[in-house]
Protein backbone atom coordinates (compact mmCIF):
# COMPACT_ATOMS: atom_id res chain seq x y z
CA MET A 1 -42.93 -7.42 -29.80
CA VAL A 2 -41.65 -8.62 -26.44
CA ILE A 3 -44.18 -8.82 -23.60
CA LEU A 4 -42.81 -7.40 -20.41
CA VAL A 5 -42.91 -10.12 -17.88
CA GLY A 6 -43.19 -7.76 -14.95
CA VAL A 7 -46.53 -6.41 -16.37
CA ALA A 8 -47.98 -9.19 -18.46
CA PHE A 9 -46.89 -12.42 -16.71
CA ASP A 10 -48.54 -13.38 -13.41
CA TRP A 11 -46.05 -15.58 -11.55
CA HIS A 12 -48.43 -16.14 -8.67
CA ALA A 13 -51.18 -17.47 -10.94
CA PHE A 14 -48.63 -19.51 -12.79
CA GLU A 15 -47.57 -21.25 -9.57
CA THR A 16 -51.10 -21.68 -8.28
CA GLU A 17 -52.63 -23.15 -11.45
CA LEU A 18 -49.66 -25.37 -12.25
CA THR A 19 -49.55 -26.75 -8.72
CA VAL A 20 -53.16 -27.92 -9.24
CA ALA A 21 -52.27 -29.31 -12.69
CA ALA A 22 -49.17 -31.17 -11.36
CA ALA A 23 -51.08 -32.56 -8.41
CA ASP A 24 -53.89 -33.81 -10.65
CA ALA A 25 -51.25 -35.34 -13.06
CA VAL A 26 -49.50 -37.16 -10.26
CA ARG A 27 -52.80 -38.53 -8.95
CA ALA A 28 -53.53 -39.87 -12.40
CA LEU A 29 -50.15 -41.48 -12.78
CA VAL A 30 -50.30 -43.07 -9.39
CA ALA A 31 -53.84 -44.38 -10.16
CA SER A 32 -52.60 -45.88 -13.44
CA ALA A 33 -49.74 -47.56 -11.62
CA ALA A 34 -51.94 -49.04 -8.84
CA PRO A 35 -51.30 -51.15 -6.80
CA GLU A 36 -47.62 -50.31 -7.25
CA GLN A 37 -45.90 -48.24 -4.53
CA PRO A 38 -44.69 -44.77 -5.64
CA TYR A 39 -41.39 -43.62 -4.11
CA ALA A 40 -40.45 -40.59 -6.23
CA VAL A 41 -41.88 -37.80 -8.27
CA ALA A 42 -39.65 -35.74 -10.59
CA PHE A 43 -39.97 -32.68 -12.75
CA SER A 44 -37.25 -33.32 -15.33
CA GLU A 45 -35.91 -32.50 -18.81
CA PHE A 46 -35.72 -28.75 -18.22
CA TYR A 47 -35.04 -26.86 -21.46
CA ALA A 48 -34.23 -23.21 -21.97
CA GLU A 49 -32.38 -21.09 -24.48
CA LEU A 50 -30.58 -17.98 -23.16
CA THR A 51 -32.68 -14.96 -24.13
CA GLY A 52 -35.15 -17.43 -25.75
CA VAL A 53 -37.72 -19.93 -24.71
CA ILE A 54 -38.19 -21.58 -21.32
CA TYR A 55 -40.21 -24.83 -21.59
CA LEU A 56 -42.06 -26.49 -18.80
CA PRO A 57 -40.45 -29.72 -17.65
CA ASN A 58 -41.74 -33.25 -17.93
CA LEU A 59 -43.39 -34.93 -14.96
CA ALA A 60 -42.75 -38.52 -14.01
CA VAL A 61 -43.51 -40.97 -11.18
CA ALA A 62 -41.36 -43.90 -10.11
CA THR A 63 -42.65 -46.95 -8.41
CA GLU A 64 -40.78 -49.69 -6.51
CA GLU A 65 -42.22 -52.36 -8.82
CA SER A 66 -41.55 -50.54 -12.21
CA VAL A 67 -38.00 -49.40 -11.54
CA THR A 68 -35.92 -52.57 -10.96
CA ASP A 69 -32.53 -51.33 -12.25
CA PRO A 70 -30.63 -49.54 -9.35
CA ASP A 71 -28.93 -47.25 -11.86
CA CYS A 72 -32.34 -45.94 -12.95
CA ARG A 73 -33.78 -45.44 -9.52
CA PHE A 74 -33.42 -41.66 -9.75
CA SER A 75 -33.25 -41.34 -13.56
CA PRO A 76 -36.65 -39.92 -14.62
CA PRO A 77 -36.25 -40.44 -18.36
CA ASP A 78 -36.06 -44.20 -17.70
CA TRP A 79 -39.22 -44.36 -15.63
CA LYS A 80 -42.38 -46.00 -16.92
CA TYR A 81 -45.00 -43.43 -15.79
CA GLN A 82 -44.61 -40.12 -17.60
CA ASP A 83 -46.80 -37.15 -18.31
CA TYR A 84 -45.36 -34.83 -21.00
CA GLU A 85 -48.55 -32.74 -21.19
CA TRP A 86 -49.34 -32.01 -17.53
CA GLY A 87 -48.74 -28.27 -18.05
CA GLU A 88 -51.07 -27.86 -21.01
CA THR A 89 -53.74 -26.12 -19.07
CA ASP A 90 -56.51 -23.88 -20.41
CA SER A 91 -54.46 -20.90 -19.44
CA GLY A 92 -51.59 -21.98 -21.68
CA TRP A 93 -48.88 -21.19 -19.17
CA GLY A 94 -46.15 -22.93 -21.13
CA GLU A 95 -46.79 -20.88 -24.29
CA ARG A 96 -47.30 -17.67 -22.33
CA LEU A 97 -43.99 -18.22 -20.42
CA SER A 98 -41.94 -18.71 -23.61
CA ALA A 99 -43.61 -15.76 -25.34
CA ALA A 100 -42.91 -13.58 -22.34
CA VAL A 101 -39.20 -14.30 -22.01
CA SER A 102 -38.18 -14.78 -25.65
CA GLY A 103 -36.09 -11.86 -26.82
CA LEU A 104 -35.39 -10.38 -23.41
CA PRO A 105 -31.89 -9.00 -22.84
CA ARG A 106 -29.51 -11.41 -21.16
CA ALA A 107 -29.78 -9.89 -17.66
CA ARG A 108 -33.59 -9.58 -17.76
CA TRP A 109 -33.91 -13.13 -19.11
CA GLN A 110 -31.71 -14.50 -16.32
CA GLU A 111 -33.94 -12.73 -13.78
CA GLU A 112 -37.03 -14.44 -15.23
CA TRP A 113 -35.25 -17.77 -15.33
CA ASP A 114 -34.54 -17.35 -11.61
CA ARG A 115 -38.22 -16.60 -10.96
CA PHE A 116 -39.23 -19.59 -12.99
CA ALA A 117 -36.86 -21.87 -11.09
CA GLN A 118 -38.12 -20.54 -7.73
CA ARG A 119 -41.78 -21.09 -8.74
CA MET A 120 -41.01 -24.67 -9.90
CA LEU A 121 -39.35 -25.33 -6.49
CA HIS A 122 -42.54 -24.00 -4.79
CA ILE A 123 -44.71 -26.21 -7.05
CA ALA A 124 -42.72 -29.31 -6.14
CA THR A 125 -42.99 -28.54 -2.41
CA ARG A 126 -46.72 -27.85 -2.54
CA VAL A 127 -47.41 -30.96 -4.58
CA ARG A 128 -45.52 -33.11 -2.11
CA THR A 129 -47.30 -31.56 0.90
CA GLU A 130 -50.74 -31.89 -0.65
CA LEU A 131 -50.36 -35.45 -1.98
CA VAL A 132 -48.76 -36.78 1.18
CA ALA A 133 -51.60 -35.25 3.25
CA ASP A 134 -54.32 -36.87 1.13
CA GLY A 135 -52.64 -40.26 1.04
CA THR A 136 -51.75 -40.30 -2.67
CA LEU A 137 -48.06 -40.41 -1.90
CA PRO A 138 -46.24 -42.05 0.99
CA GLN A 139 -44.67 -39.98 3.79
CA ASP A 140 -41.13 -40.80 2.65
CA VAL A 141 -41.71 -39.88 -1.02
CA VAL A 142 -39.04 -37.89 -2.85
CA VAL A 143 -40.36 -34.98 -4.93
CA TYR A 144 -37.59 -33.04 -6.74
CA LEU A 145 -36.46 -31.16 -9.75
CA ASP A 146 -34.09 -33.05 -12.01
CA ASP A 147 -31.97 -30.60 -13.97
CA GLU A 148 -28.81 -31.25 -15.93
CA ASP A 149 -26.51 -29.18 -13.65
CA ALA A 150 -28.16 -30.55 -10.45
CA ASP A 151 -28.49 -26.99 -9.10
CA LEU A 152 -32.32 -27.26 -8.85
CA LEU A 153 -32.04 -30.89 -7.74
CA VAL A 154 -29.97 -29.94 -4.75
CA ARG A 155 -32.22 -27.01 -3.88
CA SER A 156 -35.35 -29.10 -4.08
CA LEU A 157 -34.27 -31.70 -1.53
CA THR A 158 -33.58 -31.69 2.19
CA ALA A 159 -30.10 -32.41 3.51
CA ASP A 160 -31.36 -35.82 4.65
CA GLU A 161 -32.91 -36.62 1.26
CA LEU A 162 -29.62 -35.69 -0.48
CA ASP A 163 -27.57 -37.77 1.89
CA ARG A 164 -29.85 -40.81 1.51
CA HIS A 165 -30.70 -40.72 -2.21
CA PHE A 166 -27.97 -38.68 -3.85
CA PRO A 167 -24.82 -39.28 -1.82
CA GLU A 168 -22.66 -38.61 -4.85
CA TYR A 169 -23.63 -34.90 -4.84
CA VAL A 170 -22.95 -34.66 -1.12
CA ALA A 171 -19.58 -36.35 -1.50
CA ALA A 172 -18.68 -34.11 -4.49
CA ALA A 173 -19.58 -30.92 -2.57
CA GLN A 174 -17.51 -32.02 0.42
CA ALA A 175 -14.57 -33.02 -1.74
CA GLU A 176 -14.65 -29.61 -3.41
CA ARG A 177 -14.81 -27.82 -0.03
CA ASP A 178 -11.89 -29.95 1.21
CA VAL A 179 -9.64 -29.35 -1.76
CA LEU A 180 -10.38 -25.67 -1.81
CA ALA A 181 -9.41 -25.40 1.84
CA MET A 182 -5.97 -26.81 1.11
CA PRO A 183 -2.92 -24.58 0.84
CA THR A 184 -2.04 -23.75 -2.81
CA GLU A 185 0.95 -26.08 -2.86
CA HIS A 186 -1.32 -29.00 -2.00
CA ARG A 187 -4.57 -27.86 -3.81
CA VAL A 188 -3.05 -27.41 -7.31
CA PRO A 189 -1.41 -30.89 -7.54
CA ARG A 190 -4.59 -32.56 -6.30
CA LEU A 191 -6.73 -30.71 -8.85
CA ALA A 192 -4.21 -31.34 -11.57
CA ALA A 193 -4.32 -35.06 -10.86
CA ALA A 194 -8.15 -35.10 -10.79
CA ALA A 195 -8.17 -33.22 -14.12
CA GLY A 196 -5.89 -35.86 -15.68
CA LEU A 197 -2.80 -33.62 -16.00
CA THR A 198 -0.47 -35.52 -13.60
CA PRO A 199 -0.21 -38.80 -11.81
CA HIS A 200 -1.08 -38.35 -8.11
CA ARG A 201 -2.09 -40.54 -5.25
CA GLY A 202 -5.86 -40.04 -4.78
CA ARG A 203 -6.34 -38.99 -8.39
CA ARG A 204 -8.96 -41.65 -9.11
CA GLU A 205 -11.04 -40.86 -6.04
CA LEU A 206 -11.02 -37.06 -6.39
CA GLY A 207 -11.46 -37.21 -10.16
CA GLN A 208 -14.50 -39.41 -9.82
CA LEU A 209 -16.00 -37.16 -7.20
CA LEU A 210 -15.45 -33.82 -8.89
CA GLY A 211 -15.33 -34.84 -12.51
CA ARG A 212 -12.60 -33.78 -14.89
CA GLU A 213 -14.37 -30.63 -16.15
CA ARG A 214 -14.98 -29.33 -12.61
CA ALA A 215 -11.47 -30.07 -11.57
CA LEU A 216 -10.17 -28.19 -14.61
CA SER A 217 -12.47 -25.27 -13.84
CA LEU A 218 -11.17 -25.08 -10.24
CA LEU A 219 -7.62 -25.40 -11.48
CA GLN A 220 -8.18 -22.58 -13.93
CA GLU A 221 -9.37 -20.38 -11.10
CA SER A 222 -6.02 -20.88 -9.50
CA GLY A 223 -4.55 -18.54 -12.13
CA ALA A 224 -0.76 -18.35 -12.26
CA ASP A 225 -0.39 -21.03 -9.59
CA ALA A 226 -1.64 -23.56 -12.19
CA VAL A 227 0.96 -22.63 -14.84
CA PRO A 228 3.66 -25.08 -13.63
CA VAL A 229 1.35 -28.13 -13.82
CA GLY A 230 0.25 -27.07 -17.32
CA ILE A 231 3.85 -26.77 -18.43
CA ALA A 232 4.77 -30.13 -16.79
CA ALA A 233 1.87 -31.79 -18.64
CA LEU A 234 3.35 -30.75 -21.97
CA GLY A 235 6.24 -33.21 -21.35
CA HIS A 236 4.06 -36.33 -21.44
CA HIS A 237 2.33 -37.61 -24.57
CA GLU A 238 -0.86 -38.61 -22.71
CA THR A 239 -1.31 -35.24 -20.98
CA ALA A 240 0.27 -32.76 -23.42
CA TRP A 241 -3.03 -31.78 -25.12
CA ILE A 242 -4.85 -31.00 -21.88
CA GLY A 243 -1.75 -29.11 -20.61
CA ALA A 244 -1.77 -26.93 -23.70
CA LYS A 245 -5.47 -26.28 -23.34
CA LEU A 246 -5.08 -25.30 -19.66
CA LEU A 247 -2.30 -22.89 -20.48
CA ALA A 248 -4.46 -21.31 -23.22
CA ASP A 249 -7.44 -21.05 -20.90
CA LEU A 250 -5.36 -19.44 -18.21
CA GLY A 251 -4.58 -16.63 -20.68
CA LEU A 252 -1.14 -15.92 -19.27
CA ALA A 253 1.26 -15.39 -22.16
CA THR A 254 4.37 -15.16 -19.99
CA PRO A 255 7.80 -15.88 -21.47
CA GLU A 256 7.85 -19.13 -19.45
CA VAL A 257 4.54 -20.23 -20.89
CA MET A 258 5.35 -19.23 -24.43
CA ALA A 259 8.77 -20.92 -24.40
CA ALA A 260 7.20 -24.16 -23.10
CA LEU A 261 4.61 -24.18 -25.85
CA TRP A 262 7.09 -23.44 -28.59
CA ALA A 263 9.28 -26.22 -27.33
CA ALA A 264 6.34 -28.67 -27.50
CA LEU A 265 5.33 -27.71 -31.04
CA PRO A 266 4.28 -29.77 -32.91
CA LEU A 267 2.83 -32.57 -30.90
CA ARG A 268 2.55 -35.89 -32.63
CA GLY A 269 -0.51 -38.05 -33.21
CA ASN A 270 -4.05 -36.95 -32.53
CA ALA A 271 -2.99 -34.16 -30.21
CA HIS A 272 -0.72 -32.31 -32.59
CA ASP A 273 -2.97 -29.21 -33.05
CA TRP A 274 -3.46 -28.40 -29.35
CA VAL A 275 -0.17 -26.59 -28.81
CA ALA A 276 -0.61 -24.60 -32.00
CA THR A 277 -4.18 -23.75 -30.88
CA ALA A 278 -2.82 -22.55 -27.53
CA LEU A 279 -0.20 -20.40 -29.21
CA GLY A 280 -2.80 -18.87 -31.43
CA ARG A 281 -5.15 -18.11 -28.56
CA LEU A 282 -2.22 -16.49 -26.62
CA GLY A 283 -1.42 -14.09 -29.43
CA ALA A 284 1.34 -15.90 -31.42
CA GLY A 285 -0.79 -17.04 -34.35
CA LEU A 286 1.17 -14.98 -36.89
CA GLU A 287 4.40 -16.49 -35.73
CA VAL A 288 3.04 -20.05 -35.98
CA LEU A 289 1.68 -19.27 -39.45
CA ALA A 290 5.12 -18.05 -40.56
CA ARG A 291 6.77 -21.41 -39.52
CA ARG A 292 6.73 -23.24 -42.85
CA ASP A 293 8.47 -26.20 -41.20
CA LEU A 294 5.36 -27.00 -39.17
CA PRO A 295 2.49 -29.20 -40.39
CA ALA A 296 -0.21 -27.24 -42.28
CA GLU A 297 -2.77 -28.54 -39.86
CA SER A 298 -0.97 -26.97 -36.94
CA ARG A 299 -0.60 -23.67 -38.63
CA ALA A 300 -4.22 -23.61 -39.61
CA ALA A 301 -5.24 -24.46 -36.04
CA ALA A 302 -3.23 -21.50 -34.69
CA VAL A 303 -5.00 -19.18 -37.13
CA ALA A 304 -8.53 -20.38 -36.53
CA ALA A 305 -8.49 -20.90 -32.81
CA PRO A 306 -8.82 -17.25 -31.59
CA TYR A 307 -11.92 -16.89 -33.73
CA SER A 308 -13.62 -20.07 -32.52
CA SER A 309 -15.68 -20.88 -29.43
CA PHE A 310 -12.44 -22.03 -27.69
CA ARG A 311 -11.87 -18.40 -26.88
CA ALA A 312 -14.80 -18.42 -24.44
CA HIS A 313 -13.05 -21.04 -22.31
CA GLY A 314 -10.34 -18.62 -21.18
CA ARG A 315 -10.02 -16.41 -18.17
CA ALA A 316 -8.66 -13.53 -20.37
CA HIS A 317 -7.84 -12.75 -23.95
CA PRO A 318 -6.43 -9.95 -25.99
CA PRO A 319 -8.87 -7.79 -28.01
CA ARG A 320 -9.89 -9.39 -31.25
CA ASP A 321 -9.16 -8.19 -34.77
CA TYR A 322 -9.00 -9.91 -38.18
CA VAL A 323 -5.28 -9.46 -38.96
CA LEU A 324 -4.41 -13.12 -38.20
CA LEU A 325 -7.43 -14.49 -39.92
CA ALA A 326 -6.83 -12.45 -43.06
CA ALA A 327 -3.22 -13.64 -43.11
CA GLY A 328 -4.33 -17.26 -42.85
CA LEU A 329 -6.92 -16.95 -45.60
CA ALA A 330 -4.33 -15.33 -47.84
CA ASP A 331 -1.92 -18.26 -47.40
CA PRO A 332 -2.78 -20.96 -50.04
CA THR A 333 -1.19 -23.71 -47.90
CA VAL A 334 -3.72 -23.31 -45.10
CA ALA A 335 -6.57 -21.17 -46.45
CA ALA A 336 -8.90 -24.03 -47.16
CA MET A 337 -8.35 -25.64 -43.73
CA VAL A 338 -8.89 -22.28 -41.95
CA ALA A 339 -12.08 -21.69 -43.90
CA GLU A 340 -13.28 -25.20 -43.05
CA ALA A 341 -12.52 -24.69 -39.37
CA LEU A 342 -14.67 -21.51 -39.37
CA GLN A 343 -17.59 -22.85 -41.35
CA LEU A 344 -21.00 -21.79 -40.15
CA GLY A 345 -22.16 -23.89 -37.25
CA ARG A 346 -18.67 -24.79 -36.01
CA GLY A 347 -18.90 -22.26 -33.14
CA TYR A 348 -17.58 -18.72 -33.20
CA CYS A 349 -15.95 -16.73 -30.43
CA THR A 350 -18.00 -14.44 -28.20
CA LEU A 351 -17.05 -10.73 -28.32
CA ASP A 352 -17.04 -8.05 -25.73
CA ALA A 353 -17.00 -4.30 -26.01
CA ALA A 354 -13.18 -4.16 -26.05
CA ASP A 355 -13.25 -6.22 -29.33
CA LEU A 356 -15.48 -3.87 -31.28
CA PRO A 357 -12.82 -1.52 -32.70
CA GLY A 358 -10.95 -4.50 -34.13
CA VAL A 359 -13.88 -6.52 -35.48
CA ARG A 360 -15.96 -3.65 -36.87
CA PRO A 361 -13.94 -3.44 -40.10
CA GLY A 362 -14.72 -7.12 -40.63
CA LEU A 363 -18.19 -6.22 -41.84
CA ASP A 364 -16.53 -4.57 -44.86
CA HIS A 365 -13.68 -7.06 -45.46
CA CYS A 366 -13.09 -8.53 -48.89
CA GLU A 367 -13.08 -12.03 -47.56
CA PRO A 368 -16.58 -13.59 -47.14
CA VAL A 369 -15.36 -15.86 -44.35
CA ILE A 370 -14.41 -12.72 -42.35
CA ARG A 371 -17.69 -10.93 -43.17
CA ARG A 372 -19.70 -13.95 -42.04
CA HIS A 373 -17.77 -14.12 -38.79
CA ALA A 374 -18.17 -10.43 -38.21
CA VAL A 375 -21.88 -10.47 -38.85
CA VAL A 376 -22.53 -13.39 -36.46
CA THR A 377 -20.30 -12.30 -33.61
CA ILE A 378 -21.23 -8.57 -33.80
CA GLY A 379 -24.88 -9.55 -34.13
CA GLU A 380 -24.60 -11.53 -30.90
CA LEU A 381 -22.75 -8.69 -29.24
CA ILE A 382 -25.46 -6.12 -29.94
CA GLY A 383 -28.40 -8.57 -29.66
CA PRO A 384 -30.22 -9.78 -26.54
CA ARG A 385 -27.49 -12.23 -25.62
CA GLY A 386 -24.89 -9.45 -25.55
CA PRO A 387 -23.69 -7.74 -22.39
CA GLY A 388 -25.88 -4.62 -23.05
CA ASP A 389 -23.00 -2.27 -22.16
CA LEU A 390 -22.42 -0.73 -25.63
CA ASP A 391 -23.09 2.93 -26.45
CA ALA A 392 -26.55 3.21 -28.08
CA ARG A 393 -25.02 5.19 -30.98
CA ASP A 394 -22.53 2.40 -31.72
CA THR A 395 -25.25 -0.20 -31.59
CA ALA A 396 -27.53 1.82 -33.95
CA ALA A 397 -24.63 2.30 -36.39
CA LEU A 398 -23.82 -1.44 -36.40
CA ARG A 399 -27.42 -2.41 -36.92
CA ALA A 400 -27.65 -0.01 -39.83
CA ARG A 401 -24.55 -1.43 -41.48
CA ILE A 402 -25.65 -5.00 -41.01
CA ALA A 403 -29.10 -4.08 -42.39
CA GLU A 404 -27.32 -2.83 -45.53
CA LEU A 405 -25.63 -6.26 -45.92
CA THR A 406 -28.97 -8.03 -46.10
CA THR A 407 -29.37 -6.84 -49.73
CA GLY A 408 -25.99 -5.37 -50.60
CA ASP A 409 -23.52 -8.09 -49.87
CA ALA A 410 -22.29 -10.29 -52.72
CA ASP A 411 -22.20 -13.42 -50.50
CA ALA A 412 -25.52 -15.21 -50.02
CA ASP A 413 -24.53 -16.50 -46.52
CA VAL A 414 -23.62 -12.94 -45.42
CA ARG A 415 -27.03 -11.70 -46.63
CA ARG A 416 -28.85 -14.46 -44.83
CA LEU A 417 -26.94 -14.12 -41.62
CA ALA A 418 -27.38 -10.29 -41.67
CA GLY A 419 -31.11 -10.88 -42.06
CA TYR A 420 -31.12 -13.05 -38.94
CA VAL A 421 -29.52 -10.17 -37.02
CA VAL A 422 -31.99 -7.62 -38.28
CA ASP A 423 -34.94 -9.95 -37.46
CA GLY A 424 -33.55 -10.49 -33.95
CA ARG A 425 -33.03 -14.20 -34.38
């Protein structure tokens, strides 16, 4: 039974008690490091599972004497003085937090994550204020949250602290603002170069500042304006795979795009499946499967791609059904490769409400691979991680059918996966 956070979880007490606990823990770490000079305190190693647990972060202190490698100066996992148990208070806030948020629907969970993040920011600020005032920490100490995406890191520091200690984030943010302010005809080539799609003056600098993934994301947001650079990239061996992926992610199956992908099929070497994958994701999987002159690996990639987690990378996609997958599994030349590509744990696509009419029959399909895929993806759609926009009658009917599969299906994996859905896992 899920505990309603708004009723059962006291965020004010959470912040108050954990501020005391954190301050005490930092005092103990500083005392153990004496007479070394502390210069930073970090809450790091944040861990959370969407609609699942939220764990309290680790707490660490850095001193001038113990951190001698410049590359580790603001890398908390590499610091000597750590306290992994600072939050294990008598009130058990860590356990209570995870119990309160686990199983919440996606939107509610995100709200609680935002509350948690805000309270952690408050805790860091209060710890710094208190420990600078009592002399435990120096006036210029840096107290911050060190999260993987750097969202909380940036929010936990002043502009001056960011500029002095994390100039790379300041530079990246400025580079992004600058490139987004450019006219389309200048912005797209710069982003394409930073993403590794084309040679371009300034590619190294912008690519290092933004990172390839961020550059690709911004390029994808350019929509149809990014199509020409994706097509151009297909003409070069080094960039063809990323050009094909960009075109698939853009989700624009125009005659120009499809003609360019067909012309590039198959690629040679390690990249040969990427064009086939793009064609499959853009709705041409059956046509690729029918091309017996193509390598079996390419044909299998075109079949499996729309059902894999690659689909989630795109801006748009056609509604999903199992016609293509059934055809691939019925073809003895690629069936084994398709089944292997869609093994459990490989990563399935994420469905939305528009997919439901096409995937619902998958629960009753004769192919176990399809039934497994349908149970997992429909289970996620109607579970806490789903969008929550389905008709309650549809959800109830789907739950009832999946419950029947827990005992009535001939495939042990289908029964097991159906049980997970029924149990809410």
